[in-house]
Each structure stands twice: as C-alpha cells, then as structure tokens.
Amino acid sequence: MTQLPTRRTPPARRRLSTSEWWVPMGLRADSATVGRYRIHWVEAGAGGETVVLLHGLSGSSRWWQRNIPALAGSRRVVIPDVIGFGRSRARGRLPAMPALAEAFAAWLRTLGAGAVDLVGHSMGGHLSIHLAARHPELIRRLVLVDAAGIPRERSPRNLVRFAYEVAPPRRWGDPRFLPVIWRDALVAGPFTVLAGLLNILRDDVRPLLPLITAPTLIVWGARDGLVPVEQGREMRRTIEGSRLVVIPNAYHNCMVDRPAEFNAAVLRFLDGDEVGE
C-alpha cells in the first residue's frame, strides 16, 4: 500500500522534478540542510565576489539560464531553488517571508563567501528586501528585479486593471519561456504556489525599505503587468541612494525578455559604475 502513490506518479512529473538542466551548461550542483529545510542550488564561475540569484514565485534556478554565463565571467554565481520550489521542496507549511529570510540568511552563511551581491526577482526580490534590511552584514550590493512586496489597493477598478494586464499570453513576455514557467509551476504544485502567493500578499515591505543600507539597483520591465513599474519608482524613492533602470519592451521577467540589456546593467552596477536614474 505504501508503494501505491509512487507507482501512480505520472512519468512526466518525475522527469520534471529530477531534470538536471544545469548539466549541459557545465554548472555545479550542491545542497545544504538549514534547520528543517534542504536547500539545493547550482553554481558557476569563480572569483573573489559571489553573486546570489533568487527566482520568483513558482519558479526555479533555471529562470536565470540566460544570465548565468554573463554574470559568471569573473564571479562566483550561486543560484538556489527557493524553499518550496524547484528541488528545495518544503515539508509541511511553506514558511512566511520573515521565516524564509531567516532560513536564507543561515544558508548564505554556509557559503563561506562573506557579504554577497544579491539579485532577487519578483518573490525573490521580496525575500531580498527582508535579507538586506534584517541582515545588512550579509549583503554587499542589492539588485531588485520587478520585486514584489508592495500591496496593491484592493478595489474593483484595480482588479479589472490587473486582469487586463496579466491576460495570457500577450502579457507574459517571451513565449519561448512559457514552457519553463508551466513546468516549474507543475513541479511546485498548486498548493505551494498558492501558499507562496498568500505569503507575498500578507507581507508589506514598505517599512523595511528605509532600513536598506546596501547600494541598490532597481531593474524593471517597462511592460510589467504583474508588478507595475510605479512600485519600482516607489522603492527608488524610499531606498536611500538607490537607482532605477526601466528596460523597454520587457515584461515581468525582464531578465528573460531582454537578457543583454539586463546583464549589461547588472554587471556595470556590480563593478561600481553608476547605472540608471
């Protein structure tokens, strides 16, 4: 009887959850236990500086495939699966954002890299805000990419606008990326995705933004319908010394839609140049 669920698991689902997409790219894979969680990651490159990339809701480390080669040219690049997604499956309830940040702060210390450059997209940006505000000693530079965390006003007008802005597939960016989105969502499962969404909606990062002291670059897709660019501008106003880059013709996953522009802006920022406005 205990073997019955395993035999009934569809083969396609098994392939999705164990697919070693990183092998053809020559990346290294590793994992570590942090508290009651097992965090898996892939990494590339080497150097004195470490860049950590955090993906968005329902995603996985492979959302950064178009960025890893450029960023790993002279740096160590570490790309984890956020707890609950990819290979970092969560047992029991998905941790809320503050608890998730504490788990990832502990994980960052296991890397032995000192302060890292942290790049977070969407939910990963939300998580990055918590990390930068609560553990400034761990973050050297911060990049927020279409970051979640500022709640929208809940009104009928905003709901209608939101439905229009996210209507698939025209508002989802590069259509070649859609199979990755769907497969990663399938691996995570609907309950995990919903729990992650609720954690985002319940948490308002605005009180944390003035606490961020790391040099910060905010990068946004000009056509983002999930998290509108007005929220990026609010973060720009609230995080002291931060700068904003808006990438034309890019949607919510701007690092996928316009990787050349994204990589160039991030690399210049990590090198210490002034980027954006």
C-alpha atoms as a PDB file:
ATOM      1  CA  MET A   1       0.000   0.000   0.000  1.00  0.00           C
ATOM      2  CA  THR A   2       2.801   2.436   0.761  1.00  0.00           C
ATOM      3  CA  GLN A   3       4.209   1.979  -2.761  1.00  0.00           C
ATOM      4  CA  LEU A   4       0.912   2.802  -4.473  1.00  0.00           C
ATOM      5  CA  PRO A   5       1.385   6.625  -4.725  1.00  0.00           C
ATOM      6  CA  THR A   6       4.831   6.140  -6.251  1.00  0.00           C
ATOM      7  CA  ARG A   7       3.547   3.770  -8.927  1.00  0.00           C
ATOM      8  CA  ARG A   8       0.737   6.167  -9.781  1.00  0.00           C
ATOM      9  CA  THR A   9       3.006   9.202 -10.182  1.00  0.00           C
ATOM     10  CA  PRO A  10       2.883  10.239 -13.855  1.00  0.00           C
ATOM     11  CA  PRO A  11       6.258   9.712 -15.562  1.00  0.00           C
ATOM     12  CA  ALA A  12       6.242  13.256 -16.960  1.00  0.00           C
ATOM     13  CA  ARG A  13       6.051  14.679 -13.455  1.00  0.00           C
ATOM     14  CA  ARG A  14       9.043  12.597 -12.330  1.00  0.00           C
ATOM     15  CA  ARG A  15      11.108  13.857 -15.248  1.00  0.00           C
ATOM     16  CA  LEU A  16      10.217  17.447 -14.477  1.00  0.00           C
ATOM     17  CA  SER A  17      11.186  17.205 -10.831  1.00  0.00           C
ATOM     18  CA  THR A  18      14.535  15.486 -11.458  1.00  0.00           C
ATOM     19  CA  SER A  19      15.594  17.133 -14.721  1.00  0.00           C
ATOM     20  CA  GLU A  20      19.273  18.092 -14.472  1.00  0.00           C
ATOM     21  CA  TRP A  21      19.014  21.108 -16.776  1.00  0.00           C
ATOM     22  CA  TRP A  22      22.280  22.519 -15.442  1.00  0.00           C
ATOM     23  CA  VAL A  23      24.494  19.672 -16.681  1.00  0.00           C
ATOM     24  CA  PRO A  24      24.660  20.794 -20.357  1.00  0.00           C
ATOM     25  CA  MET A  25      25.606  24.290 -19.117  1.00  0.00           C
ATOM     26  CA  GLY A  26      28.534  22.911 -17.145  1.00  0.00           C
ATOM     27  CA  LEU A  27      27.168  24.111 -13.802  1.00  0.00           C
ATOM     28  CA  ARG A  28      27.890  22.536 -10.439  1.00  0.00           C
ATOM     29  CA  ALA A  29      25.089  21.362  -8.146  1.00  0.00           C
ATOM     30  CA  ASP A  30      25.100  21.241  -4.350  1.00  0.00           C
ATOM     31  CA  SER A  31      22.759  21.276  -1.355  1.00  0.00           C
ATOM     32  CA  ALA A  32      22.800  22.013   2.365  1.00  0.00           C
ATOM     33  CA  THR A  33      20.489  21.428   5.305  1.00  0.00           C
ATOM     34  CA  VAL A  34      19.384  24.601   7.093  1.00  0.00           C
ATOM     35  CA  GLY A  35      17.164  23.887  10.086  1.00  0.00           C
ATOM     36  CA  ARG A  36      14.359  21.703   8.820  1.00  0.00           C
ATOM     37  CA  TYR A  37      14.889  22.662   5.172  1.00  0.00           C
ATOM     38  CA  ARG A  38      17.109  21.257   2.465  1.00  0.00           C
ATOM     39  CA  ILE A  39      18.221  23.988   0.063  1.00  0.00           C
ATOM     40  CA  HIS A  40      19.503  22.986  -3.361  1.00  0.00           C
ATOM     41  CA  TRP A  41      21.465  25.219  -5.689  1.00  0.00           C
ATOM     42  CA  VAL A  42      23.614  25.317  -8.789  1.00  0.00           C
ATOM     43  CA  GLU A  43      26.646  27.487  -9.280  1.00  0.00           C
ATOM     44  CA  ALA A  44      29.097  28.632 -11.915  1.00  0.00           C
ATOM     45  CA  GLY A  45      32.250  30.671 -12.215  1.00  0.00           C
ATOM     46  CA  ALA A  46      34.809  31.629  -9.611  1.00  0.00           C
ATOM     47  CA  GLY A  47      36.284  34.753  -8.130  1.00  0.00           C
ATOM     48  CA  GLY A  48      36.523  36.850  -5.022  1.00  0.00           C
ATOM     49  CA  GLU A  49      32.954  38.127  -5.304  1.00  0.00           C
ATOM     50  CA  THR A  50      29.845  35.953  -5.031  1.00  0.00           C
ATOM     51  CA  VAL A  51      26.532  36.780  -6.711  1.00  0.00           C
ATOM     52  CA  VAL A  52      23.363  35.043  -5.475  1.00  0.00           C
ATOM     53  CA  LEU A  53      20.291  34.950  -7.751  1.00  0.00           C
ATOM     54  CA  LEU A  54      16.823  34.376  -6.240  1.00  0.00           C
ATOM     55  CA  HIS A  55      13.962  33.444  -8.575  1.00  0.00           C
ATOM     56  CA  GLY A  56      10.297  34.413  -8.402  1.00  0.00           C
ATOM     57  CA  LEU A  57       7.085  32.667  -7.382  1.00  0.00           C
ATOM     58  CA  SER A  58       6.564  29.167  -8.844  1.00  0.00           C
ATOM     59  CA  GLY A  59       9.997  29.352 -10.463  1.00  0.00           C
ATOM     60  CA  SER A  60      13.352  27.662 -10.042  1.00  0.00           C
ATOM     61  CA  SER A  61      17.031  28.356 -10.522  1.00  0.00           C
ATOM     62  CA  ARG A  62      16.703  27.742 -14.250  1.00  0.00           C
ATOM     63  CA  TRP A  63      14.856  31.055 -14.663  1.00  0.00           C
ATOM     64  CA  TRP A  64      18.353  32.593 -14.754  1.00  0.00           C
ATOM     65  CA  GLN A  65      19.730  30.475 -17.610  1.00  0.00           C
ATOM     66  CA  ARG A  66      20.040  33.498 -19.921  1.00  0.00           C
ATOM     67  CA  ASN A  67      22.028  35.451 -17.328  1.00  0.00           C
ATOM     68  CA  ILE A  68      24.376  32.950 -15.699  1.00  0.00           C
ATOM     69  CA  PRO A  69      27.101  32.878 -18.410  1.00  0.00           C
ATOM     70  CA  ALA A  70      27.496  36.660 -18.455  1.00  0.00           C
ATOM     71  CA  LEU A  71      27.474  37.057 -14.670  1.00  0.00           C
ATOM     72  CA  ALA A  72      29.857  34.126 -14.119  1.00  0.00           C
ATOM     73  CA  GLY A  73      32.563  35.560 -16.364  1.00  0.00           C
ATOM     74  CA  SER A  74      34.569  36.868 -13.399  1.00  0.00           C
ATOM     75  CA  ARG A  75      32.460  35.963 -10.369  1.00  0.00           C
ATOM     76  CA  ARG A  76      31.129  33.004  -8.461  1.00  0.00           C
ATOM     77  CA  VAL A  77      27.399  32.816  -9.206  1.00  0.00           C
ATOM     78  CA  VAL A  78      25.148  30.798  -6.890  1.00  0.00           C
ATOM     79  CA  ILE A  79      21.523  30.123  -7.855  1.00  0.00           C
ATOM     80  CA  PRO A  80      19.337  28.375  -5.263  1.00  0.00           C
ATOM     81  CA  ASP A  81      15.852  26.977  -5.584  1.00  0.00           C
ATOM     82  CA  VAL A  82      13.832  28.978  -3.053  1.00  0.00           C
ATOM     83  CA  ILE A  83      12.310  26.796  -0.341  1.00  0.00           C
ATOM     84  CA  GLY A  84       9.134  25.175  -1.646  1.00  0.00           C
ATOM     85  CA  PHE A  85      10.153  25.347  -5.309  1.00  0.00           C
ATOM     86  CA  GLY A  86      12.388  23.506  -7.738  1.00  0.00           C
ATOM     87  CA  ARG A  87      14.367  20.886  -5.832  1.00  0.00           C
ATOM     88  CA  SER A  88      14.141  22.720  -2.475  1.00  0.00           C
ATOM     89  CA  ARG A  89      10.839  21.147  -1.551  1.00  0.00           C
ATOM     90  CA  ALA A  90       9.287  22.138   1.791  1.00  0.00           C
ATOM     91  CA  ARG A  91       7.909  19.589   4.202  1.00  0.00           C
ATOM     92  CA  GLY A  92       4.818  20.944   5.872  1.00  0.00           C
ATOM     93  CA  ARG A  93       3.713  24.560   5.698  1.00  0.00           C
ATOM     94  CA  LEU A  94       5.621  26.973   3.477  1.00  0.00           C
ATOM     95  CA  PRO A  95       7.461  29.492   5.702  1.00  0.00           C
ATOM     96  CA  ALA A  96       6.220  33.087   5.753  1.00  0.00           C
ATOM     97  CA  MET A  97       8.535  35.764   4.405  1.00  0.00           C
ATOM     98  CA  PRO A  98      10.284  36.675   7.702  1.00  0.00           C
ATOM     99  CA  ALA A  99      10.959  32.995   8.480  1.00  0.00           C
ATOM    100  CA  LEU A 100      12.052  32.375   4.898  1.00  0.00           C
ATOM    101  CA  ALA A 101      14.514  35.261   5.184  1.00  0.00           C
ATOM    102  CA  GLU A 102      15.995  33.807   8.368  1.00  0.00           C
ATOM    103  CA  ALA A 103      16.458  30.421   6.687  1.00  0.00           C
ATOM    104  CA  PHE A 104      18.219  32.030   3.722  1.00  0.00           C
ATOM    105  CA  ALA A 105      20.375  34.190   5.981  1.00  0.00           C
ATOM    106  CA  ALA A 106      21.585  30.978   7.632  1.00  0.00           C
ATOM    107  CA  TRP A 107      22.127  29.427   4.191  1.00  0.00           C
ATOM    108  CA  LEU A 108      24.150  32.431   2.985  1.00  0.00           C
ATOM    109  CA  ARG A 109      26.496  31.934   5.920  1.00  0.00           C
ATOM    110  CA  THR A 110      27.118  28.332   4.855  1.00  0.00           C
ATOM    111  CA  LEU A 111      28.523  29.571   1.530  1.00  0.00           C
ATOM    112  CA  GLY A 112      31.587  30.984   3.283  1.00  0.00           C
ATOM    113  CA  ALA A 113      31.581  33.976   0.946  1.00  0.00           C
ATOM    114  CA  GLY A 114      31.148  36.823   3.411  1.00  0.00           C
ATOM    115  CA  ALA A 115      28.911  39.591   2.082  1.00  0.00           C
ATOM    116  CA  VAL A 116      27.373  38.701  -1.293  1.00  0.00           C
ATOM    117  CA  ASP A 117      25.826  40.597  -4.176  1.00  0.00           C
ATOM    118  CA  LEU A 118      22.144  39.653  -4.041  1.00  0.00           C
ATOM    119  CA  VAL A 119      19.864  39.734  -7.093  1.00  0.00           C
ATOM    120  CA  GLY A 120      16.197  38.937  -6.446  1.00  0.00           C
ATOM    121  CA  HIS A 121      13.352  38.728  -8.954  1.00  0.00           C
ATOM    122  CA  SER A 122       9.663  39.148  -8.003  1.00  0.00           C
ATOM    123  CA  MET A 123       9.143  36.938  -4.913  1.00  0.00           C
ATOM    124  CA  GLY A 124      12.921  36.590  -4.784  1.00  0.00           C
ATOM    125  CA  GLY A 125      13.129  40.388  -4.709  1.00  0.00           C
ATOM    126  CA  HIS A 126      10.612  40.435  -1.864  1.00  0.00           C
ATOM    127  CA  LEU A 127      12.819  37.957   0.005  1.00  0.00           C
ATOM    128  CA  SER A 128      15.920  40.001  -0.844  1.00  0.00           C
ATOM    129  CA  ILE A 129      14.396  43.110   0.747  1.00  0.00           C
ATOM    130  CA  HIS A 130      13.930  41.202   4.011  1.00  0.00           C
ATOM    131  CA  LEU A 131      17.508  39.919   3.863  1.00  0.00           C
ATOM    132  CA  ALA A 132      19.042  43.320   3.101  1.00  0.00           C
ATOM    133  CA  ALA A 133      17.017  45.092   5.803  1.00  0.00           C
ATOM    134  CA  ARG A 134      17.398  42.454   8.527  1.00  0.00           C
ATOM    135  CA  HIS A 135      20.927  41.196   7.772  1.00  0.00           C
ATOM    136  CA  PRO A 136      22.893  44.078   6.218  1.00  0.00           C
ATOM    137  CA  GLU A 137      26.187  42.401   7.062  1.00  0.00           C
ATOM    138  CA  LEU A 138      25.403  39.665   4.532  1.00  0.00           C
ATOM    139  CA  ILE A 139      24.687  41.918   1.545  1.00  0.00           C
ATOM    140  CA  ARG A 140      27.360  43.878  -0.352  1.00  0.00           C
ATOM    141  CA  ARG A 141      25.169  45.109  -3.207  1.00  0.00           C
ATOM    142  CA  LEU A 142      21.466  44.582  -3.890  1.00  0.00           C
ATOM    143  CA  VAL A 143      19.571  44.288  -7.191  1.00  0.00           C
ATOM    144  CA  LEU A 144      15.761  44.206  -7.070  1.00  0.00           C
ATOM    145  CA  VAL A 145      14.173  42.928 -10.283  1.00  0.00           C
ATOM    146  CA  ASP A 146      10.418  43.589 -10.666  1.00  0.00           C
ATOM    147  CA  ALA A 147      10.306  42.948  -6.928  1.00  0.00           C
ATOM    148  CA  ALA A 148       7.070  42.076  -5.128  1.00  0.00           C
ATOM    149  CA  GLY A 149       6.200  43.285  -1.650  1.00  0.00           C
ATOM    150  CA  ILE A 150       4.152  46.483  -2.024  1.00  0.00           C
ATOM    151  CA  PRO A 151       0.448  45.586  -1.837  1.00  0.00           C
ATOM    152  CA  ARG A 152      -1.924  46.949  -4.441  1.00  0.00           C
ATOM    153  CA  GLU A 153      -5.007  48.809  -3.326  1.00  0.00           C
ATOM    154  CA  ARG A 154      -7.870  46.314  -3.395  1.00  0.00           C
ATOM    155  CA  SER A 155     -10.617  47.961  -5.410  1.00  0.00           C
ATOM    156  CA  PRO A 156     -12.851  46.772  -8.281  1.00  0.00           C
ATOM    157  CA  ARG A 157     -11.053  49.133 -10.654  1.00  0.00           C
ATOM    158  CA  ASN A 158      -7.637  47.738  -9.725  1.00  0.00           C
ATOM    159  CA  LEU A 159      -8.878  44.167 -10.048  1.00  0.00           C
ATOM    160  CA  VAL A 160     -10.159  44.834 -13.561  1.00  0.00           C
ATOM    161  CA  ARG A 161      -6.890  46.521 -14.497  1.00  0.00           C
ATOM    162  CA  PHE A 162      -4.878  43.634 -13.062  1.00  0.00           C
ATOM    163  CA  ALA A 163      -6.921  41.067 -15.018  1.00  0.00           C
ATOM    164  CA  TYR A 164      -6.308  43.007 -18.223  1.00  0.00           C
ATOM    165  CA  GLU A 165      -2.593  43.461 -17.589  1.00  0.00           C
ATOM    166  CA  VAL A 166      -1.822  39.807 -16.884  1.00  0.00           C
ATOM    167  CA  ALA A 167      -4.075  38.235 -19.534  1.00  0.00           C
ATOM    168  CA  PRO A 168      -2.030  35.424 -21.108  1.00  0.00           C
ATOM    169  CA  PRO A 169      -0.062  35.034 -23.185  1.00  0.00           C
ATOM    170  CA  ARG A 170       0.491  38.508 -24.576  1.00  0.00           C
ATOM    171  CA  ARG A 171       1.484  39.942 -21.199  1.00  0.00           C
ATOM    172  CA  TRP A 172       3.811  37.117 -20.185  1.00  0.00           C
ATOM    173  CA  GLY A 173       6.818  38.147 -22.229  1.00  0.00           C
ATOM    174  CA  ASP A 174       8.939  35.866 -24.414  1.00  0.00           C
ATOM    175  CA  PRO A 175       6.647  32.966 -25.450  1.00  0.00           C
ATOM    176  CA  ARG A 176       9.650  30.630 -25.615  1.00  0.00           C
ATOM    177  CA  PHE A 177       9.870  30.902 -21.834  1.00  0.00           C
ATOM    178  CA  LEU A 178       6.277  29.799 -21.209  1.00  0.00           C
ATOM    179  CA  PRO A 179       7.079  26.045 -21.081  1.00  0.00           C
ATOM    180  CA  VAL A 180       9.604  26.722 -18.305  1.00  0.00           C
ATOM    181  CA  ILE A 181       7.001  28.678 -16.324  1.00  0.00           C
ATOM    182  CA  TRP A 182       4.405  25.938 -16.669  1.00  0.00           C
ATOM    183  CA  ARG A 183       6.789  23.083 -15.857  1.00  0.00           C
ATOM    184  CA  ASP A 184       8.196  24.739 -12.756  1.00  0.00           C
ATOM    185  CA  ALA A 185       4.683  25.555 -11.544  1.00  0.00           C
ATOM    186  CA  LEU A 186       3.703  21.921 -12.078  1.00  0.00           C
ATOM    187  CA  VAL A 187       6.690  20.702 -10.065  1.00  0.00           C
ATOM    188  CA  ALA A 188       5.865  23.052  -7.165  1.00  0.00           C
ATOM    189  CA  GLY A 189       2.170  22.153  -7.266  1.00  0.00           C
ATOM    190  CA  PRO A 190      -0.866  24.428  -6.950  1.00  0.00           C
ATOM    191  CA  PHE A 191      -0.998  24.398  -3.149  1.00  0.00           C
ATOM    192  CA  THR A 192       2.619  25.536  -2.809  1.00  0.00           C
ATOM    193  CA  VAL A 193       2.146  28.251  -5.435  1.00  0.00           C
ATOM    194  CA  LEU A 194      -0.998  29.473  -3.686  1.00  0.00           C
ATOM    195  CA  ALA A 195       0.704  29.434  -0.283  1.00  0.00           C
ATOM    196  CA  GLY A 196       3.605  31.428  -1.709  1.00  0.00           C
ATOM    197  CA  LEU A 197       1.223  33.950  -3.253  1.00  0.00           C
ATOM    198  CA  LEU A 198      -0.631  34.375   0.049  1.00  0.00           C
ATOM    199  CA  ASN A 199       2.679  34.923   1.868  1.00  0.00           C
ATOM    200  CA  ILE A 200       3.504  37.694  -0.593  1.00  0.00           C
ATOM    201  CA  LEU A 201       0.102  39.352  -0.280  1.00  0.00           C
ATOM    202  CA  ARG A 202       0.185  39.250   3.531  1.00  0.00           C
ATOM    203  CA  ASP A 203       3.571  40.941   3.804  1.00  0.00           C
ATOM    204  CA  ASP A 204       4.208  44.648   3.165  1.00  0.00           C
ATOM    205  CA  VAL A 205       7.888  45.525   2.687  1.00  0.00           C
ATOM    206  CA  ARG A 206       7.457  49.306   2.831  1.00  0.00           C
ATOM    207  CA  PRO A 207       8.564  49.611   6.490  1.00  0.00           C
ATOM    208  CA  LEU A 208      11.745  47.695   5.577  1.00  0.00           C
ATOM    209  CA  LEU A 209      12.798  49.807   2.590  1.00  0.00           C
ATOM    210  CA  PRO A 210      14.310  52.719   4.616  1.00  0.00           C
ATOM    211  CA  LEU A 211      16.404  50.182   6.559  1.00  0.00           C
ATOM    212  CA  ILE A 212      18.321  49.033   3.484  1.00  0.00           C
ATOM    213  CA  THR A 213      21.879  50.386   3.521  1.00  0.00           C
ATOM    214  CA  ALA A 214      23.481  48.350   0.711  1.00  0.00           C
ATOM    215  CA  PRO A 215      23.952  50.108  -2.636  1.00  0.00           C
ATOM    216  CA  THR A 216      20.791  49.195  -4.530  1.00  0.00           C
ATOM    217  CA  LEU A 217      19.848  48.960  -8.191  1.00  0.00           C
ATOM    218  CA  ILE A 218      16.179  48.519  -9.104  1.00  0.00           C
ATOM    219  CA  VAL A 219      15.522  46.960 -12.522  1.00  0.00           C
ATOM    220  CA  TRP A 220      12.037  46.807 -14.022  1.00  0.00           C
ATOM    221  CA  GLY A 221      10.338  45.700 -17.210  1.00  0.00           C
ATOM    222  CA  ALA A 222       8.516  48.672 -18.720  1.00  0.00           C
ATOM    223  CA  ARG A 223       5.529  46.463 -19.625  1.00  0.00           C
ATOM    224  CA  ASP A 224       5.299  44.542 -16.351  1.00  0.00           C
ATOM    225  CA  GLY A 225       1.610  43.926 -15.632  1.00  0.00           C
ATOM    226  CA  LEU A 226       2.051  41.758 -12.533  1.00  0.00           C
ATOM    227  CA  VAL A 227       4.051  44.285 -10.522  1.00  0.00           C
ATOM    228  CA  PRO A 228       3.705  47.700 -12.198  1.00  0.00           C
ATOM    229  CA  VAL A 229       6.715  49.952 -12.613  1.00  0.00           C
ATOM    230  CA  GLU A 230       5.114  52.513 -10.279  1.00  0.00           C
ATOM    231  CA  GLN A 231       6.108  50.185  -7.444  1.00  0.00           C
ATOM    232  CA  GLY A 232       9.699  50.237  -8.654  1.00  0.00           C
ATOM    233  CA  ARG A 233       9.620  54.018  -8.569  1.00  0.00           C
ATOM    234  CA  GLU A 234       8.269  53.932  -5.015  1.00  0.00           C
ATOM    235  CA  MET A 235      11.146  51.665  -3.987  1.00  0.00           C
ATOM    236  CA  ARG A 236      13.541  54.067  -5.709  1.00  0.00           C
ATOM    237  CA  ARG A 237      12.173  56.971  -3.665  1.00  0.00           C
ATOM    238  CA  THR A 238      12.289  55.064  -0.372  1.00  0.00           C
ATOM    239  CA  ILE A 239      15.639  53.242  -0.513  1.00  0.00           C
ATOM    240  CA  GLU A 240      18.266  55.892   0.086  1.00  0.00           C
ATOM    241  CA  GLY A 241      20.751  56.266  -2.747  1.00  0.00           C
ATOM    242  CA  SER A 242      19.081  53.642  -4.955  1.00  0.00           C
ATOM    243  CA  ARG A 243      18.787  53.950  -8.732  1.00  0.00           C
ATOM    244  CA  LEU A 244      16.209  52.665 -11.201  1.00  0.00           C
ATOM    245  CA  VAL A 245      16.629  51.146 -14.662  1.00  0.00           C
ATOM    246  CA  VAL A 246      13.471  50.547 -16.735  1.00  0.00           C
ATOM    247  CA  ILE A 247      14.039  48.141 -19.637  1.00  0.00           C
ATOM    248  CA  PRO A 248      11.863  48.883 -22.700  1.00  0.00           C
ATOM    249  CA  ASN A 249       9.803  46.096 -24.291  1.00  0.00           C
ATOM    250  CA  ALA A 250      10.292  43.839 -21.257  1.00  0.00           C
ATOM    251  CA  TYR A 251       7.547  42.313 -19.117  1.00  0.00           C
ATOM    252  CA  HIS A 252       7.656  40.844 -15.608  1.00  0.00           C
ATOM    253  CA  ASN A 253      10.582  38.508 -16.321  1.00  0.00           C
ATOM    254  CA  CYS A 254      12.785  41.232 -17.754  1.00  0.00           C
ATOM    255  CA  MET A 255      15.974  39.194 -17.260  1.00  0.00           C
ATOM    256  CA  VAL A 256      14.440  36.649 -19.672  1.00  0.00           C
ATOM    257  CA  ASP A 257      12.831  39.077 -22.130  1.00  0.00           C
ATOM    258  CA  ARG A 258      15.867  41.363 -22.569  1.00  0.00           C
ATOM    259  CA  PRO A 259      18.861  39.449 -21.184  1.00  0.00           C
ATOM    260  CA  ALA A 260      21.552  41.501 -22.964  1.00  0.00           C
ATOM    261  CA  GLU A 261      20.290  44.804 -21.539  1.00  0.00           C
ATOM    262  CA  PHE A 262      19.664  43.243 -18.133  1.00  0.00           C
ATOM    263  CA  ASN A 263      23.097  41.617 -17.902  1.00  0.00           C
ATOM    264  CA  ALA A 264      24.873  44.787 -19.008  1.00  0.00           C
ATOM    265  CA  ALA A 265      23.109  46.949 -16.401  1.00  0.00           C
ATOM    266  CA  VAL A 266      23.693  44.497 -13.555  1.00  0.00           C
ATOM    267  CA  LEU A 267      27.359  43.941 -14.421  1.00  0.00           C
ATOM    268  CA  ARG A 268      28.034  47.669 -14.567  1.00  0.00           C
ATOM    269  CA  PHE A 269      26.371  48.126 -11.200  1.00  0.00           C
ATOM    270  CA  LEU A 270      28.318  45.258  -9.614  1.00  0.00           C
ATOM    271  CA  ASP A 271      31.507  46.783 -10.989  1.00  0.00           C
ATOM    272  CA  GLY A 272      30.721  50.005  -9.125  1.00  0.00           C
ATOM    273  CA  ASP A 273      29.502  52.149 -12.028  1.00  0.00           C
ATOM    274  CA  GLU A 274      26.519  54.469 -11.765  1.00  0.00           C
ATOM    275  CA  VAL A 275      23.556  52.895 -13.546  1.00  0.00           C
ATOM    276  CA  GLY A 276      20.043  54.247 -14.016  1.00  0.00           C
ATOM    277  CA  GLU A 277      18.455  57.329 -12.557  1.00  0.00           C
END
